Amino acid sequence: MKRDLMDIVCCPLDKHDLELDVDVEEDEVLEGTLTCTDCGETYPIEDGIPNLLPPDMRD
């Protein structure tokens, strides 16, 4: 995930900002989490792809 994406993504549940926590970064964020600044829901980033599905729709 490119860091520039943080300018346009928001929490799919309540549309508030997301906070980025990076675990692995090379040219882009490969592993980490996005956390909603309002509701606290977390969304994983795996292999550079943020999973912004609501929690009840994830595996």
PDB file of N, CA and C in Angstrom:
ATOM      1  N   MET A   1       0.840  -1.166   0.000  1.00  0.00           N
ATOM      2  CA  MET A   1       0.000   0.000   0.000  1.00  0.00           C
ATOM      3  C   MET A   1       0.889   1.234   0.000  1.00  0.00           C
ATOM      4  N   LYS A   2       0.621   2.130  -0.876  1.00  0.00           N
ATOM      5  CA  LYS A   2       1.357   3.393  -0.909  1.00  0.00           C
ATOM      6  C   LYS A   2       0.864   4.287   0.228  1.00  0.00           C
ATOM      7  N   ARG A   3       1.771   5.003   0.861  1.00  0.00           N
ATOM      8  CA  ARG A   3       1.386   5.914   1.950  1.00  0.00           C
ATOM      9  C   ARG A   3       0.438   7.016   1.475  1.00  0.00           C
ATOM     10  N   ASP A   4       0.515   7.370   0.189  1.00  0.00           N
ATOM     11  CA  ASP A   4      -0.380   8.394  -0.362  1.00  0.00           C
ATOM     12  C   ASP A   4      -1.850   7.989  -0.254  1.00  0.00           C
ATOM     13  N   LEU A   5      -2.121   6.702  -0.191  1.00  0.00           N
ATOM     14  CA  LEU A   5      -3.487   6.209  -0.080  1.00  0.00           C
ATOM     15  C   LEU A   5      -4.150   6.682   1.213  1.00  0.00           C
ATOM     16  N   MET A   6      -3.364   7.006   2.228  1.00  0.00           N
ATOM     17  CA  MET A   6      -3.904   7.470   3.506  1.00  0.00           C
ATOM     18  C   MET A   6      -4.690   8.771   3.350  1.00  0.00           C
ATOM     19  N   ASP A   7      -4.428   9.522   2.281  1.00  0.00           N
ATOM     20  CA  ASP A   7      -5.158  10.773   2.040  1.00  0.00           C
ATOM     21  C   ASP A   7      -6.597  10.539   1.613  1.00  0.00           C
ATOM     22  N   ILE A   8      -6.907   9.335   1.106  1.00  0.00           N
ATOM     23  CA  ILE A   8      -8.249   9.096   0.578  1.00  0.00           C
ATOM     24  C   ILE A   8      -9.030   7.989   1.273  1.00  0.00           C
ATOM     25  N   VAL A   9      -8.359   7.098   2.028  1.00  0.00           N
ATOM     26  CA  VAL A   9      -9.104   6.012   2.682  1.00  0.00           C
ATOM     27  C   VAL A   9      -9.719   6.488   3.991  1.00  0.00           C
ATOM     28  N   CYS A  10     -10.844   5.858   4.333  1.00  0.00           N
ATOM     29  CA  CYS A  10     -11.504   6.147   5.603  1.00  0.00           C
ATOM     30  C   CYS A  10     -12.149   4.857   6.105  1.00  0.00           C
ATOM     31  N   CYS A  11     -12.600   4.869   7.337  1.00  0.00           N
ATOM     32  CA  CYS A  11     -13.257   3.706   7.923  1.00  0.00           C
ATOM     33  C   CYS A  11     -14.548   3.430   7.150  1.00  0.00           C
ATOM     34  N   PRO A  12     -14.740   2.199   6.665  1.00  0.00           N
ATOM     35  CA  PRO A  12     -15.958   1.897   5.913  1.00  0.00           C
ATOM     36  C   PRO A  12     -17.213   1.877   6.790  1.00  0.00           C
ATOM     37  N   LEU A  13     -17.050   1.789   8.103  1.00  0.00           N
ATOM     38  CA  LEU A  13     -18.205   1.743   8.992  1.00  0.00           C
ATOM     39  C   LEU A  13     -18.742   3.124   9.342  1.00  0.00           C
ATOM     40  N   ASP A  14     -17.832   4.061   9.667  1.00  0.00           N
ATOM     41  CA  ASP A  14     -18.310   5.381  10.115  1.00  0.00           C
ATOM     42  C   ASP A  14     -17.662   6.560   9.388  1.00  0.00           C
ATOM     43  N   LYS A  15     -16.837   6.268   8.388  1.00  0.00           N
ATOM     44  CA  LYS A  15     -16.218   7.287   7.519  1.00  0.00           C
ATOM     45  C   LYS A  15     -15.240   8.223   8.230  1.00  0.00           C
ATOM     46  N   HIS A  16     -14.714   7.827   9.388  1.00  0.00           N
ATOM     47  CA  HIS A  16     -13.698   8.626  10.081  1.00  0.00           C
ATOM     48  C   HIS A  16     -12.305   8.258   9.563  1.00  0.00           C
ATOM     49  N   ASP A  17     -11.319   9.050   9.952  1.00  0.00           N
ATOM     50  CA  ASP A  17      -9.939   8.824   9.522  1.00  0.00           C
ATOM     51  C   ASP A  17      -9.388   7.517  10.072  1.00  0.00           C
ATOM     52  N   LEU A  18      -8.392   6.994   9.362  1.00  0.00           N
ATOM     53  CA  LEU A  18      -7.686   5.789   9.788  1.00  0.00           C
ATOM     54  C   LEU A  18      -6.257   6.148  10.158  1.00  0.00           C
ATOM     55  N   GLU A  19      -5.750   5.468  11.184  1.00  0.00           N
ATOM     56  CA  GLU A  19      -4.367   5.653  11.646  1.00  0.00           C
ATOM     57  C   GLU A  19      -3.559   4.446  11.181  1.00  0.00           C
ATOM     58  N   LEU A  20      -2.396   4.696  10.624  1.00  0.00           N
ATOM     59  CA  LEU A  20      -1.545   3.645  10.076  1.00  0.00           C
ATOM     60  C   LEU A  20      -0.513   3.180  11.089  1.00  0.00           C
ATOM     61  N   ASP A  21      -0.424   1.854  11.260  1.00  0.00           N
ATOM     62  CA  ASP A  21       0.610   1.239  12.100  1.00  0.00           C
ATOM     63  C   ASP A  21       1.360   0.248  11.203  1.00  0.00           C
ATOM     64  N   VAL A  22       2.625   0.538  10.913  1.00  0.00           N
ATOM     65  CA  VAL A  22       3.413  -0.239   9.951  1.00  0.00           C
ATOM     66  C   VAL A  22       4.240  -1.300  10.663  1.00  0.00           C
ATOM     67  N   ASP A  23       4.155  -2.544  10.166  1.00  0.00           N
ATOM     68  CA  ASP A  23       4.995  -3.639  10.656  1.00  0.00           C
ATOM     69  C   ASP A  23       6.167  -3.883   9.708  1.00  0.00           C
ATOM     70  N   VAL A  24       5.893  -3.915   8.386  1.00  0.00           N
ATOM     71  CA  VAL A  24       6.925  -4.154   7.374  1.00  0.00           C
ATOM     72  C   VAL A  24       6.750  -3.125   6.259  1.00  0.00           C
ATOM     73  N   GLU A  25       7.856  -2.415   5.959  1.00  0.00           N
ATOM     74  CA  GLU A  25       7.796  -1.407   4.902  1.00  0.00           C
ATOM     75  C   GLU A  25       9.064  -1.485   4.062  1.00  0.00           C
ATOM     76  N   GLU A  26       8.866  -1.473   2.741  1.00  0.00           N
ATOM     77  CA  GLU A  26       9.990  -1.358   1.812  1.00  0.00           C
ATOM     78  C   GLU A  26       9.731  -0.095   1.000  1.00  0.00           C
ATOM     79  N   ASP A  27       9.403  -0.219  -0.282  1.00  0.00           N
ATOM     80  CA  ASP A  27       9.010   0.957  -1.071  1.00  0.00           C
ATOM     81  C   ASP A  27       7.601   1.399  -0.707  1.00  0.00           C
ATOM     82  N   GLU A  28       6.826   0.480  -0.154  1.00  0.00           N
ATOM     83  CA  GLU A  28       5.469   0.750   0.296  1.00  0.00           C
ATOM     84  C   GLU A  28       5.179  -0.087   1.537  1.00  0.00           C
ATOM     85  N   VAL A  29       4.050   0.145   2.172  1.00  0.00           N
ATOM     86  CA  VAL A  29       3.675  -0.607   3.372  1.00  0.00           C
ATOM     87  C   VAL A  29       3.244  -2.006   2.952  1.00  0.00           C
ATOM     88  N   LEU A  30       3.944  -3.033   3.441  1.00  0.00           N
ATOM     89  CA  LEU A  30       3.635  -4.416   3.096  1.00  0.00           C
ATOM     90  C   LEU A  30       2.776  -5.093   4.149  1.00  0.00           C
ATOM     91  N   GLU A  31       3.037  -4.828   5.413  1.00  0.00           N
ATOM     92  CA  GLU A  31       2.293  -5.435   6.517  1.00  0.00           C
ATOM     93  C   GLU A  31       2.012  -4.370   7.563  1.00  0.00           C
ATOM     94  N   GLY A  32       0.836  -4.434   8.167  1.00  0.00           N
ATOM     95  CA  GLY A  32       0.483  -3.487   9.217  1.00  0.00           C
ATOM     96  C   GLY A  32      -1.007  -3.473   9.453  1.00  0.00           C
ATOM     97  N   THR A  33      -1.475  -2.422  10.102  1.00  0.00           N
ATOM     98  CA  THR A  33      -2.902  -2.280  10.370  1.00  0.00           C
ATOM     99  C   THR A  33      -3.326  -0.830  10.199  1.00  0.00           C
ATOM    100  N   LEU A  34      -4.594  -0.679   9.870  1.00  0.00           N
ATOM    101  CA  LEU A  34      -5.243   0.617   9.833  1.00  0.00           C
ATOM    102  C   LEU A  34      -6.275   0.596  10.959  1.00  0.00           C
ATOM    103  N   THR A  35      -6.280   1.625  11.800  1.00  0.00           N
ATOM    104  CA  THR A  35      -7.200   1.682  12.926  1.00  0.00           C
ATOM    105  C   THR A  35      -8.038   2.945  12.832  1.00  0.00           C
ATOM    106  N   CYS A  36      -9.351   2.788  12.995  1.00  0.00           N
ATOM    107  CA  CYS A  36     -10.257   3.933  12.950  1.00  0.00           C
ATOM    108  C   CYS A  36     -10.030   4.805  14.178  1.00  0.00           C
ATOM    109  N   THR A  37      -9.940   6.103  13.952  1.00  0.00           N
ATOM    110  CA  THR A  37      -9.697   7.043  15.052  1.00  0.00           C
ATOM    111  C   THR A  37     -10.944   7.262  15.904  1.00  0.00           C
ATOM    112  N   ASP A  38     -12.113   6.831  15.426  1.00  0.00           N
ATOM    113  CA  ASP A  38     -13.349   7.025  16.188  1.00  0.00           C
ATOM    114  C   ASP A  38     -13.847   5.729  16.827  1.00  0.00           C
ATOM    115  N   CYS A  39     -14.133   4.705  16.009  1.00  0.00           N
ATOM    116  CA  CYS A  39     -14.719   3.470  16.563  1.00  0.00           C
ATOM    117  C   CYS A  39     -13.671   2.460  17.024  1.00  0.00           C
ATOM    118  N   GLY A  40     -12.411   2.619  16.597  1.00  0.00           N
ATOM    119  CA  GLY A  40     -11.344   1.718  17.039  1.00  0.00           C
ATOM    120  C   GLY A  40     -11.236   0.415  16.265  1.00  0.00           C
ATOM    121  N   GLU A  41     -12.078   0.215  15.258  1.00  0.00           N
ATOM    122  CA  GLU A  41     -12.004  -1.000  14.454  1.00  0.00           C
ATOM    123  C   GLU A  41     -10.676  -1.038  13.705  1.00  0.00           C
ATOM    124  N   THR A  42     -10.087  -2.238  13.582  1.00  0.00           N
ATOM    125  CA  THR A  42      -8.808  -2.382  12.891  1.00  0.00           C
ATOM    126  C   THR A  42      -8.992  -3.144  11.583  1.00  0.00           C
ATOM    127  N   TYR A  43      -8.161  -2.784  10.614  1.00  0.00           N
ATOM    128  CA  TYR A  43      -8.186  -3.399   9.293  1.00  0.00           C
ATOM    129  C   TYR A  43      -6.757  -3.803   8.946  1.00  0.00           C
ATOM    130  N   PRO A  44      -6.537  -5.071   8.601  1.00  0.00           N
ATOM    131  CA  PRO A  44      -5.179  -5.539   8.323  1.00  0.00           C
ATOM    132  C   PRO A  44      -4.676  -5.111   6.952  1.00  0.00           C
ATOM    133  N   ILE A  45      -3.357  -4.970   6.859  1.00  0.00           N
ATOM    134  CA  ILE A  45      -2.681  -4.785   5.572  1.00  0.00           C
ATOM    135  C   ILE A  45      -1.783  -6.001   5.412  1.00  0.00           C
ATOM    136  N   GLU A  46      -2.028  -6.786   4.372  1.00  0.00           N
ATOM    137  CA  GLU A  46      -1.252  -8.002   4.121  1.00  0.00           C
ATOM    138  C   GLU A  46      -0.770  -7.992   2.675  1.00  0.00           C
ATOM    139  N   ASP A  47       0.508  -8.235   2.485  1.00  0.00           N
ATOM    140  CA  ASP A  47       1.116  -8.235   1.147  1.00  0.00           C
ATOM    141  C   ASP A  47       0.849  -6.924   0.413  1.00  0.00           C
ATOM    142  N   GLY A  48       0.799  -5.814   1.161  1.00  0.00           N
ATOM    143  CA  GLY A  48       0.617  -4.503   0.565  1.00  0.00           C
ATOM    144  C   GLY A  48      -0.823  -4.150   0.232  1.00  0.00           C
ATOM    145  N   ILE A  49      -1.777  -5.024   0.617  1.00  0.00           N
ATOM    146  CA  ILE A  49      -3.186  -4.802   0.286  1.00  0.00           C
ATOM    147  C   ILE A  49      -3.992  -4.575   1.567  1.00  0.00           C
ATOM    148  N   PRO A  50      -4.596  -3.381   1.710  1.00  0.00           N
ATOM    149  CA  PRO A  50      -5.440  -3.149   2.886  1.00  0.00           C
ATOM    150  C   PRO A  50      -6.789  -3.853   2.718  1.00  0.00           C
ATOM    151  N   ASN A  51      -7.220  -4.568   3.749  1.00  0.00           N
ATOM    152  CA  ASN A  51      -8.516  -5.266   3.736  1.00  0.00           C
ATOM    153  C   ASN A  51      -9.508  -4.376   4.473  1.00  0.00           C
ATOM    154  N   LEU A  52     -10.287  -3.603   3.727  1.00  0.00           N
ATOM    155  CA  LEU A  52     -11.233  -2.660   4.317  1.00  0.00           C
ATOM    156  C   LEU A  52     -12.652  -3.208   4.371  1.00  0.00           C
ATOM    157  N   LEU A  53     -12.780  -4.530   4.321  1.00  0.00           N
ATOM    158  CA  LEU A  53     -14.096  -5.124   4.490  1.00  0.00           C
ATOM    159  C   LEU A  53     -14.532  -4.970   5.948  1.00  0.00           C
ATOM    160  N   PRO A  54     -15.823  -4.762   6.192  1.00  0.00           N
ATOM    161  CA  PRO A  54     -16.308  -4.730   7.570  1.00  0.00           C
ATOM    162  C   PRO A  54     -15.978  -6.051   8.268  1.00  0.00           C
ATOM    163  N   PRO A  55     -15.784  -6.033   9.582  1.00  0.00           N
ATOM    164  CA  PRO A  55     -15.342  -7.222  10.319  1.00  0.00           C
ATOM    165  C   PRO A  55     -16.213  -8.456  10.090  1.00  0.00           C
ATOM    166  N   ASP A  56     -17.524  -8.305   9.969  1.00  0.00           N
ATOM    167  CA  ASP A  56     -18.400  -9.460   9.795  1.00  0.00           C
ATOM    168  C   ASP A  56     -18.329 -10.061   8.391  1.00  0.00           C
ATOM    169  N   MET A  57     -17.629  -9.402   7.463  1.00  0.00           N
ATOM    170  CA  MET A  57     -17.494  -9.918   6.108  1.00  0.00           C
ATOM    171  C   MET A  57     -16.126 -10.536   5.837  1.00  0.00           C
ATOM    172  N   ARG A  58     -15.219 -10.482   6.811  1.00  0.00           N
ATOM    173  CA  ARG A  58     -13.882 -11.078   6.652  1.00  0.00           C
ATOM    174  C   ARG A  58     -13.921 -12.551   7.057  1.00  0.00           C
ATOM    175  N   ASP A  59     -12.935 -13.314   6.581  1.00  0.00           N
ATOM    176  CA  ASP A  59     -12.830 -14.736   6.970  1.00  0.00           C
ATOM    177  C   ASP A  59     -12.506 -14.850   8.422  1.00  0.00           C
TER     178      ASP A  59
END
